[in-house]
Amino acid sequence: MKITIEAKVNAPIDLVWQCWTTPEDIKQWNAASDDWHTTAATVDLRAGGRFSSRMEAKDGSLGFDFSGQYLVVEEPRLIVSRLAEALDGREVQVEFTPTPDGVIVRESFEAEDSHSEAQQRDGWQAILDRFAGYVEAKA
């Protein structure tokens, strides 16, 4: 089953793209809640390049690496990636669509079996909403 989430970001496309693809920015917004954070991020933004984010609970109780490989990079409109095999190898597509007053960011991915569809949708949407807030604060 495919899950699609989206958020409108009231900022220019260049800033939206930069914040999505720059490790220092990613570390600022990439968490589903205030009790998690991203402690490290790497980006090799090209088809065949790899990405990784280290996500950890702030209390130190849990952590995991979210990583994969870029399949398609069409700046500033589209990123298609494949999650690492340890994360089940699913594809993720992110579209950036400019509008007269901002950018619609739409993420689509295949649901995994470990969590309910609602949990996955809510978690990914929370991260996307944090992204939108972070970018708008920078705009």
C-alpha atoms as a PDB file:
ATOM      1  CA  MET A   1       0.000   0.000   0.000  1.00  0.00           C
ATOM      2  CA  LYS A   2       1.328   3.431  -0.922  1.00  0.00           C
ATOM      3  CA  ILE A   3       1.195   6.271   1.605  1.00  0.00           C
ATOM      4  CA  THR A   4       1.310   9.880   0.438  1.00  0.00           C
ATOM      5  CA  ILE A   5       1.710  12.900   2.702  1.00  0.00           C
ATOM      6  CA  GLU A   6       2.167  16.555   1.890  1.00  0.00           C
ATOM      7  CA  ALA A   7       2.716  19.988   3.355  1.00  0.00           C
ATOM      8  CA  LYS A   8       2.636  23.497   1.976  1.00  0.00           C
ATOM      9  CA  VAL A   9       5.789  25.442   2.773  1.00  0.00           C
ATOM     10  CA  ASN A  10       5.492  29.218   2.551  1.00  0.00           C
ATOM     11  CA  ALA A  11       9.007  29.824   1.237  1.00  0.00           C
ATOM     12  CA  PRO A  12      10.838  30.037  -2.108  1.00  0.00           C
ATOM     13  CA  ILE A  13      11.672  26.774  -3.902  1.00  0.00           C
ATOM     14  CA  ASP A  14      15.440  27.352  -3.621  1.00  0.00           C
ATOM     15  CA  LEU A  15      15.251  27.595   0.177  1.00  0.00           C
ATOM     16  CA  VAL A  16      12.938  24.571   0.419  1.00  0.00           C
ATOM     17  CA  TRP A  17      15.344  22.493  -1.694  1.00  0.00           C
ATOM     18  CA  GLN A  18      18.376  23.666   0.287  1.00  0.00           C
ATOM     19  CA  CYS A  19      16.813  22.792   3.636  1.00  0.00           C
ATOM     20  CA  TRP A  20      15.753  19.344   2.386  1.00  0.00           C
ATOM     21  CA  THR A  21      19.203  18.476   1.012  1.00  0.00           C
ATOM     22  CA  THR A  22      21.770  20.128   3.321  1.00  0.00           C
ATOM     23  CA  PRO A  23      23.059  18.036   6.262  1.00  0.00           C
ATOM     24  CA  GLU A  24      23.188  20.944   8.734  1.00  0.00           C
ATOM     25  CA  ASP A  25      19.575  21.846   7.935  1.00  0.00           C
ATOM     26  CA  ILE A  26      18.423  18.217   8.068  1.00  0.00           C
ATOM     27  CA  LYS A  27      19.781  17.918  11.614  1.00  0.00           C
ATOM     28  CA  GLN A  28      17.535  20.827  12.641  1.00  0.00           C
ATOM     29  CA  TRP A  29      14.180  19.488  11.432  1.00  0.00           C
ATOM     30  CA  ASN A  30      14.429  15.710  11.014  1.00  0.00           C
ATOM     31  CA  ALA A  31      12.476  14.380  13.997  1.00  0.00           C
ATOM     32  CA  ALA A  32       8.868  13.332  14.536  1.00  0.00           C
ATOM     33  CA  SER A  33       8.681  14.811  18.051  1.00  0.00           C
ATOM     34  CA  ASP A  34      10.611  17.000  20.475  1.00  0.00           C
ATOM     35  CA  ASP A  35      12.029  13.981  22.333  1.00  0.00           C
ATOM     36  CA  TRP A  36      13.958  12.850  19.221  1.00  0.00           C
ATOM     37  CA  HIS A  37      16.712  14.493  17.200  1.00  0.00           C
ATOM     38  CA  THR A  38      19.052  13.854  14.299  1.00  0.00           C
ATOM     39  CA  THR A  39      22.648  13.842  15.496  1.00  0.00           C
ATOM     40  CA  ALA A  40      24.371  13.320  12.135  1.00  0.00           C
ATOM     41  CA  ALA A  41      23.446  13.567   8.465  1.00  0.00           C
ATOM     42  CA  THR A  42      25.276  13.004   5.185  1.00  0.00           C
ATOM     43  CA  VAL A  43      24.121  13.771   1.654  1.00  0.00           C
ATOM     44  CA  ASP A  44      25.722  12.894  -1.691  1.00  0.00           C
ATOM     45  CA  LEU A  45      22.974  14.446  -3.809  1.00  0.00           C
ATOM     46  CA  ARG A  46      23.242  12.719  -7.186  1.00  0.00           C
ATOM     47  CA  ALA A  47      21.797   9.613  -8.792  1.00  0.00           C
ATOM     48  CA  GLY A  48      23.789   6.779  -7.215  1.00  0.00           C
ATOM     49  CA  GLY A  49      24.798   8.939  -4.233  1.00  0.00           C
ATOM     50  CA  ARG A  50      24.017   7.893  -0.687  1.00  0.00           C
ATOM     51  CA  PHE A  51      22.345   9.596   2.261  1.00  0.00           C
ATOM     52  CA  SER A  52      22.205   8.849   5.963  1.00  0.00           C
ATOM     53  CA  SER A  53      20.681  10.359   9.089  1.00  0.00           C
ATOM     54  CA  ARG A  54      21.311   9.180  12.646  1.00  0.00           C
ATOM     55  CA  MET A  55      18.093   9.565  14.612  1.00  0.00           C
ATOM     56  CA  GLU A  56      18.182   9.205  18.399  1.00  0.00           C
ATOM     57  CA  ALA A  57      15.912   9.634  21.376  1.00  0.00           C
ATOM     58  CA  LYS A  58      17.181  12.614  23.368  1.00  0.00           C
ATOM     59  CA  ASP A  59      17.270  10.462  26.535  1.00  0.00           C
ATOM     60  CA  GLY A  60      19.706   8.085  24.810  1.00  0.00           C
ATOM     61  CA  SER A  61      17.385   5.072  25.069  1.00  0.00           C
ATOM     62  CA  LEU A  62      16.979   4.410  21.334  1.00  0.00           C
ATOM     63  CA  GLY A  63      18.571   5.273  18.027  1.00  0.00           C
ATOM     64  CA  PHE A  64      18.724   4.135  14.425  1.00  0.00           C
ATOM     65  CA  ASP A  65      20.247   5.010  11.086  1.00  0.00           C
ATOM     66  CA  PHE A  66      17.931   6.079   8.265  1.00  0.00           C
ATOM     67  CA  SER A  67      19.881   5.637   5.059  1.00  0.00           C
ATOM     68  CA  GLY A  68      19.690   4.784   1.407  1.00  0.00           C
ATOM     69  CA  GLN A  69      20.654   5.710  -2.124  1.00  0.00           C
ATOM     70  CA  TYR A  70      19.374   8.383  -4.488  1.00  0.00           C
ATOM     71  CA  LEU A  71      17.941   6.972  -7.719  1.00  0.00           C
ATOM     72  CA  VAL A  72      16.738  10.211  -9.346  1.00  0.00           C
ATOM     73  CA  VAL A  73      17.673  13.812  -8.520  1.00  0.00           C
ATOM     74  CA  GLU A  74      16.025  16.559 -10.579  1.00  0.00           C
ATOM     75  CA  GLU A  75      16.858  19.811  -8.800  1.00  0.00           C
ATOM     76  CA  PRO A  76      14.684  21.466  -7.502  1.00  0.00           C
ATOM     77  CA  ARG A  77      11.644  19.328  -8.370  1.00  0.00           C
ATOM     78  CA  LEU A  78      12.103  15.627  -7.583  1.00  0.00           C
ATOM     79  CA  ILE A  79      14.078  13.153  -5.495  1.00  0.00           C
ATOM     80  CA  VAL A  80      13.525   9.401  -5.724  1.00  0.00           C
ATOM     81  CA  SER A  81      15.513   7.205  -3.361  1.00  0.00           C
ATOM     82  CA  ARG A  82      15.680   3.629  -2.168  1.00  0.00           C
ATOM     83  CA  LEU A  83      15.994   2.963   1.546  1.00  0.00           C
ATOM     84  CA  ALA A  84      18.843   0.734   2.666  1.00  0.00           C
ATOM     85  CA  GLU A  85      18.154  -3.005   2.807  1.00  0.00           C
ATOM     86  CA  ALA A  86      18.240  -2.815   6.610  1.00  0.00           C
ATOM     87  CA  LEU A  87      15.216  -0.517   6.248  1.00  0.00           C
ATOM     88  CA  ASP A  88      13.598  -2.943   3.748  1.00  0.00           C
ATOM     89  CA  GLY A  89      14.660  -1.303   0.478  1.00  0.00           C
ATOM     90  CA  ARG A  90      11.437   0.638  -0.158  1.00  0.00           C
ATOM     91  CA  GLU A  91      11.370   3.518  -2.627  1.00  0.00           C
ATOM     92  CA  VAL A  92      10.543   7.033  -1.469  1.00  0.00           C
ATOM     93  CA  GLN A  93       9.567   9.813  -3.857  1.00  0.00           C
ATOM     94  CA  VAL A  94       9.607  13.490  -2.870  1.00  0.00           C
ATOM     95  CA  GLU A  95       8.096  16.077  -5.199  1.00  0.00           C
ATOM     96  CA  PHE A  96       8.555  19.840  -4.814  1.00  0.00           C
ATOM     97  CA  THR A  97       5.827  21.806  -6.643  1.00  0.00           C
ATOM     98  CA  PRO A  98       6.072  25.603  -6.656  1.00  0.00           C
ATOM     99  CA  THR A  99       2.862  27.578  -6.161  1.00  0.00           C
ATOM    100  CA  PRO A 100       2.339  31.360  -6.268  1.00  0.00           C
ATOM    101  CA  ASP A 101       2.882  31.583  -2.496  1.00  0.00           C
ATOM    102  CA  GLY A 102       5.170  28.672  -1.625  1.00  0.00           C
ATOM    103  CA  VAL A 103       5.941  25.045  -2.384  1.00  0.00           C
ATOM    104  CA  ILE A 104       3.913  21.859  -1.985  1.00  0.00           C
ATOM    105  CA  VAL A 105       6.181  19.071  -0.732  1.00  0.00           C
ATOM    106  CA  ARG A 106       4.666  15.636  -1.380  1.00  0.00           C
ATOM    107  CA  GLU A 107       6.243  12.383  -0.159  1.00  0.00           C
ATOM    108  CA  SER A 108       5.091   8.952  -1.315  1.00  0.00           C
ATOM    109  CA  PHE A 109       6.337   5.596  -0.064  1.00  0.00           C
ATOM    110  CA  GLU A 110       5.260   2.004   0.256  1.00  0.00           C
ATOM    111  CA  ALA A 111       3.965   1.089   3.701  1.00  0.00           C
ATOM    112  CA  GLU A 112       6.053  -1.355   5.693  1.00  0.00           C
ATOM    113  CA  ASP A 113       4.742  -4.240   7.802  1.00  0.00           C
ATOM    114  CA  SER A 114       6.092  -3.370  11.276  1.00  0.00           C
ATOM    115  CA  HIS A 115       3.788  -0.428  12.013  1.00  0.00           C
ATOM    116  CA  SER A 116       0.197   0.397  11.146  1.00  0.00           C
ATOM    117  CA  GLU A 117      -0.569   2.621   8.173  1.00  0.00           C
ATOM    118  CA  ALA A 118      -1.797   5.315  10.579  1.00  0.00           C
ATOM    119  CA  GLN A 119       1.436   5.193  12.629  1.00  0.00           C
ATOM    120  CA  GLN A 120       3.549   5.498   9.481  1.00  0.00           C
ATOM    121  CA  ARG A 121       1.438   8.313   8.035  1.00  0.00           C
ATOM    122  CA  ASP A 122       1.413  10.207  11.337  1.00  0.00           C
ATOM    123  CA  GLY A 123       5.161   9.819  11.930  1.00  0.00           C
ATOM    124  CA  TRP A 124       6.223  10.860   8.434  1.00  0.00           C
ATOM    125  CA  GLN A 125       3.680  13.719   8.439  1.00  0.00           C
ATOM    126  CA  ALA A 126       5.030  14.985  11.775  1.00  0.00           C
ATOM    127  CA  ILE A 127       8.548  15.126  10.310  1.00  0.00           C
ATOM    128  CA  LEU A 128       7.274  16.894   7.184  1.00  0.00           C
ATOM    129  CA  ASP A 129       5.355  19.409   9.305  1.00  0.00           C
ATOM    130  CA  ARG A 130       8.517  20.128  11.334  1.00  0.00           C
ATOM    131  CA  PHE A 131      10.356  20.625   8.050  1.00  0.00           C
ATOM    132  CA  ALA A 132       7.761  23.170   6.886  1.00  0.00           C
ATOM    133  CA  GLY A 133       7.975  25.075  10.163  1.00  0.00           C
ATOM    134  CA  TYR A 134      11.763  25.106  10.079  1.00  0.00           C
ATOM    135  CA  VAL A 135      11.924  26.407   6.510  1.00  0.00           C
ATOM    136  CA  GLU A 136       9.256  29.059   7.097  1.00  0.00           C
ATOM    137  CA  ALA A 137      11.167  30.326  10.140  1.00  0.00           C
ATOM    138  CA  LYS A 138      14.270  30.724   7.924  1.00  0.00           C
ATOM    139  CA  ALA A 139      12.379  32.445   5.072  1.00  0.00           C
END
